Protein backbone atom coordinates (compact mmCIF):
# COMPACT_ATOMS: atom_id res chain seq x y z
CA MET A 1 92.29 136.04 76.90
CA ALA A 2 90.52 132.79 77.74
CA ILE A 3 93.31 130.82 76.10
CA GLY A 4 95.93 132.30 78.46
CA LYS A 5 93.79 131.47 81.48
CA GLU A 6 93.34 127.86 80.32
CA ILE A 7 97.08 127.48 79.89
CA ARG A 8 97.75 128.91 83.39
CA THR A 9 95.13 126.57 84.84
CA GLN A 10 96.72 123.59 83.10
CA ILE A 11 100.20 124.60 84.30
CA ASN A 12 98.92 124.92 87.88
CA GLY A 13 97.29 121.50 87.61
CA ILE A 14 100.51 119.95 86.34
CA ASN A 15 102.50 121.57 89.15
CA ASN A 16 100.03 120.27 91.75
CA THR A 17 100.28 116.77 90.28
CA ARG A 18 104.07 117.04 90.40
CA LYS A 19 103.96 117.97 94.10
CA ILE A 20 101.62 115.09 94.93
CA THR A 21 103.76 112.62 92.98
CA SER A 22 106.90 113.86 94.74
CA ALA A 23 105.24 113.40 98.14
CA MET A 24 104.10 109.88 97.20
CA GLN A 25 107.63 108.99 96.12
CA LEU A 26 109.02 110.22 99.46
CA VAL A 27 106.49 108.09 101.34
CA ALA A 28 107.33 105.04 99.21
CA ALA A 29 111.06 105.59 99.78
CA SER A 30 110.47 105.85 103.52
CA LYS A 31 108.48 102.61 103.58
CA MET A 32 111.15 100.87 101.50
CA ARG A 33 113.86 102.09 103.90
CA LYS A 34 111.90 100.77 106.91
CA ALA A 35 111.41 97.40 105.19
CA GLN A 36 115.15 97.22 104.45
CA ASP A 37 115.93 98.03 108.08
CA ARG A 38 113.63 95.22 109.24
CA MET A 39 115.31 92.88 106.77
CA LEU A 40 118.75 93.79 108.10
CA LEU A 41 117.58 93.10 111.66
CA SER A 42 116.50 89.60 110.61
CA GLN A 43 119.85 88.70 109.02
CA PRO A 44 121.47 87.23 112.16
CA TYR A 45 118.48 84.92 112.56
CA ALA A 46 118.63 83.88 108.90
CA GLN A 47 122.38 83.24 109.12
CA LYS A 48 121.92 81.08 112.22
CA VAL A 49 119.14 79.08 110.52
CA GLN A 50 121.40 78.59 107.50
CA ALA A 51 124.24 77.42 109.75
CA VAL A 52 121.96 74.95 111.54
CA ILE A 53 120.64 73.55 108.26
CA GLY A 54 124.19 73.28 106.92
CA HIS A 55 125.24 71.46 110.07
CA LEU A 56 122.28 69.07 109.82
CA ALA A 57 122.99 68.39 106.16
CA ASN A 58 126.56 67.36 106.97
CA ALA A 59 125.80 65.62 110.28
CA ASN A 60 125.08 62.06 109.16
CA THR A 61 126.66 60.88 105.93
CA GLU A 62 124.72 57.58 105.96
CA TYR A 63 121.37 59.30 105.56
CA LYS A 64 120.74 61.20 102.35
CA HIS A 65 117.51 63.17 102.22
CA VAL A 66 115.78 63.39 98.84
CA TYR A 67 116.07 67.19 98.81
CA LEU A 68 119.83 67.05 99.35
CA GLN A 69 120.61 64.66 96.48
CA ASP A 70 121.82 65.79 93.06
CA ARG A 71 119.34 64.94 90.35
CA GLU A 72 118.23 66.01 86.90
CA VAL A 73 116.39 69.34 86.80
CA LYS A 74 112.86 68.88 85.46
CA ARG A 75 111.07 71.90 86.95
CA VAL A 76 112.21 75.24 88.33
CA GLY A 77 110.07 77.36 90.65
CA TYR A 78 110.38 81.06 91.36
CA ILE A 79 108.99 82.82 94.42
CA VAL A 80 108.68 86.44 93.31
CA VAL A 81 108.17 89.13 95.94
CA SER A 82 107.03 92.34 94.23
CA THR A 83 105.07 95.43 95.23
CA ASP A 84 101.31 95.89 95.30
CA ARG A 85 101.47 99.48 94.06
CA GLY A 86 103.73 101.61 91.89
CA LEU A 87 106.43 104.17 92.70
CA CYS A 88 109.01 101.38 92.92
CA GLY A 89 109.19 100.89 89.16
CA GLY A 90 112.92 100.20 89.08
CA LEU A 91 112.62 97.50 91.72
CA ASN A 92 109.85 95.65 89.89
CA ALA A 93 111.31 96.18 86.41
CA ASN A 94 114.75 94.82 87.37
CA LEU A 95 113.23 91.89 89.26
CA PHE A 96 110.90 90.88 86.42
CA LYS A 97 113.65 91.29 83.82
CA ALA A 98 116.05 89.04 85.77
CA ILE A 99 113.42 86.34 86.30
CA SER A 100 112.26 86.46 82.68
CA ASN A 101 115.83 86.09 81.43
CA ASN A 102 116.58 83.23 83.80
CA ALA A 103 113.32 81.46 82.95
CA ALA A 104 114.12 81.78 79.24
CA GLN A 105 117.48 80.07 79.82
CA TRP A 106 115.76 77.17 81.60
CA LYS A 107 113.12 76.87 78.86
CA GLU A 108 115.90 76.60 76.24
CA LYS A 109 117.11 73.55 78.17
CA GLY A 110 113.60 72.06 78.14
CA VAL A 111 112.94 72.68 81.82
CA GLU A 112 109.45 73.66 83.00
CA THR A 113 109.22 76.91 84.99
CA GLN A 114 106.57 77.94 87.50
CA VAL A 115 106.00 81.15 89.43
CA CYS A 116 104.54 81.92 92.87
CA ALA A 117 103.87 85.67 92.86
CA ILE A 118 103.63 87.76 96.01
CA GLY A 119 102.33 91.25 95.21
CA SER A 120 99.85 92.44 92.61
CA LYS A 121 102.49 93.88 90.26
CA GLY A 122 104.22 90.51 89.97
CA THR A 123 100.93 88.68 89.61
CA GLY A 124 99.84 90.94 86.78
CA PHE A 125 103.21 90.83 85.01
CA PHE A 126 103.59 87.06 84.97
CA LYS A 127 99.97 86.31 84.13
CA ALA A 128 100.09 88.78 81.22
CA ARG A 129 103.19 87.05 79.84
CA LYS A 130 101.64 83.57 80.08
CA PHE A 131 103.94 82.23 82.79
CA ASP A 132 102.70 79.22 84.74
CA VAL A 133 101.57 81.07 87.88
CA VAL A 134 100.77 78.39 90.46
CA ALA A 135 100.06 80.64 93.46
CA THR A 136 99.50 84.31 94.18
CA ILE A 137 99.02 86.51 97.20
CA THR A 138 98.41 90.24 97.10
CA HIS A 139 97.95 93.09 99.56
CA VAL A 140 100.13 91.54 102.24
CA GLY A 141 100.48 95.01 103.72
CA ASP A 142 103.23 97.00 105.28
CA LYS A 143 103.25 94.92 108.46
CA PRO A 144 102.81 91.25 107.63
CA THR A 145 101.83 88.88 110.42
CA VAL A 146 102.24 85.16 110.91
CA LYS A 147 98.85 83.42 111.03
């Protein structure tokens, strides 16, 4: 009889864990949706900045800034924005896979690659895989501020 009770207890525990995990996923999805909404609201600003920079780049043909000249690629840098916690596994997995594949292509060409990781998941991933991580920042929070 004790065996049946242990099984029922374990089933109840698993069901409780399932409910908690489901609630955490809903919260994470809500936060992601809010972040996407904020990103969409900033698009007009980003487009205007891009237009201004494009206009400045084409304004004076006599002056060529060093950053606007074509030159041989010696080093490639990635700024990776990942999450600090889980429940967005697909987001992080796809991001890290794309960057790893692209970095491998550059390394085949003999180009050095470096990573600046924002978020603890990205920091952990790239350090574990021996990438050249030059800068990290974690726990930026749900509402970042400009200091």
